[in-house]
């Protein structure tokens, strides 16, 4: 489940940053 659509550009490079942002958001949401 993604909170935002994953665009197909440098996914392998930006994936860690993206998921880190999502995890941080979920922790704040809790």
N, C-alpha and C. Protein backbone atom coordinates (compact mmCIF):
# COMPACT_ATOMS: atom_id res chain seq x y z
N UNK A 1 0.84 -1.20 0.00
CA UNK A 1 0.00 0.00 0.00
C UNK A 1 0.88 1.25 0.00
N UNK A 2 0.70 2.06 -1.02
CA UNK A 2 1.51 3.26 -1.15
C UNK A 2 0.65 4.50 -0.92
N UNK A 3 1.20 5.44 -0.16
CA UNK A 3 0.47 6.67 0.09
C UNK A 3 0.57 7.59 -1.12
N UNK A 4 1.59 7.38 -1.94
CA UNK A 4 1.78 8.20 -3.14
C UNK A 4 2.21 7.29 -4.27
N UNK A 5 1.87 7.65 -5.50
CA UNK A 5 2.24 6.81 -6.65
C UNK A 5 3.74 6.80 -6.87
N UNK A 6 4.27 5.61 -7.16
CA UNK A 6 5.70 5.49 -7.44
C UNK A 6 5.94 5.73 -8.92
N UNK A 7 6.73 6.75 -9.22
CA UNK A 7 7.05 7.02 -10.61
C UNK A 7 8.27 6.20 -11.00
N UNK A 8 8.33 5.85 -12.28
CA UNK A 8 9.36 4.93 -12.74
C UNK A 8 10.61 5.67 -13.18
N UNK A 9 11.20 6.46 -12.28
CA UNK A 9 12.46 7.13 -12.60
C UNK A 9 13.39 7.03 -11.40
N UNK A 10 14.57 6.46 -11.61
CA UNK A 10 15.56 6.24 -10.56
C UNK A 10 14.91 5.67 -9.31
N UNK A 11 14.08 4.66 -9.51
CA UNK A 11 13.37 4.04 -8.38
C UNK A 11 14.37 3.39 -7.44
N UNK A 12 15.34 2.69 -8.01
CA UNK A 12 16.32 1.98 -7.18
C UNK A 12 17.11 2.95 -6.32
N UNK A 13 17.27 4.18 -6.80
CA UNK A 13 18.06 5.16 -6.06
C UNK A 13 17.21 5.93 -5.06
N UNK A 14 15.97 6.24 -5.42
CA UNK A 14 15.14 7.05 -4.55
C UNK A 14 14.21 6.24 -3.67
N UNK A 15 14.23 4.91 -3.85
CA UNK A 15 13.29 4.05 -3.12
C UNK A 15 13.52 4.15 -1.62
N UNK A 16 14.78 4.10 -1.18
CA UNK A 16 15.06 4.15 0.26
C UNK A 16 14.54 5.45 0.86
N UNK A 17 14.77 6.55 0.17
CA UNK A 17 14.32 7.84 0.67
C UNK A 17 12.80 7.88 0.73
N UNK A 18 12.16 7.35 -0.31
CA UNK A 18 10.69 7.35 -0.37
C UNK A 18 10.11 6.56 0.79
N UNK A 19 10.60 5.34 0.99
CA UNK A 19 10.06 4.51 2.06
C UNK A 19 10.38 5.10 3.43
N UNK A 20 11.54 5.75 3.55
CA UNK A 20 11.87 6.40 4.82
C UNK A 20 10.86 7.49 5.13
N UNK A 21 10.48 8.25 4.11
CA UNK A 21 9.49 9.32 4.31
C UNK A 21 8.15 8.72 4.72
N UNK A 22 7.76 7.62 4.07
CA UNK A 22 6.48 6.98 4.38
C UNK A 22 6.49 6.44 5.80
N UNK A 23 7.58 5.78 6.18
CA UNK A 23 7.67 5.21 7.53
C UNK A 23 7.61 6.33 8.57
N UNK A 24 8.33 7.41 8.32
CA UNK A 24 8.31 8.53 9.26
C UNK A 24 6.90 9.10 9.37
N UNK A 25 6.20 9.18 8.26
CA UNK A 25 4.84 9.71 8.26
C UNK A 25 3.92 8.78 9.06
N UNK A 26 4.09 7.48 8.87
CA UNK A 26 3.24 6.52 9.58
C UNK A 26 3.51 6.58 11.08
N UNK A 27 4.77 6.75 11.46
CA UNK A 27 5.10 6.83 12.88
C UNK A 27 4.47 8.08 13.49
N UNK A 28 4.50 9.17 12.73
CA UNK A 28 3.89 10.41 13.20
C UNK A 28 2.38 10.27 13.27
N UNK A 29 1.83 9.55 12.32
CA UNK A 29 0.37 9.36 12.26
C UNK A 29 -0.12 8.56 13.47
N UNK A 30 0.68 7.57 13.89
CA UNK A 30 0.32 6.79 15.07
C UNK A 30 0.27 7.70 16.30
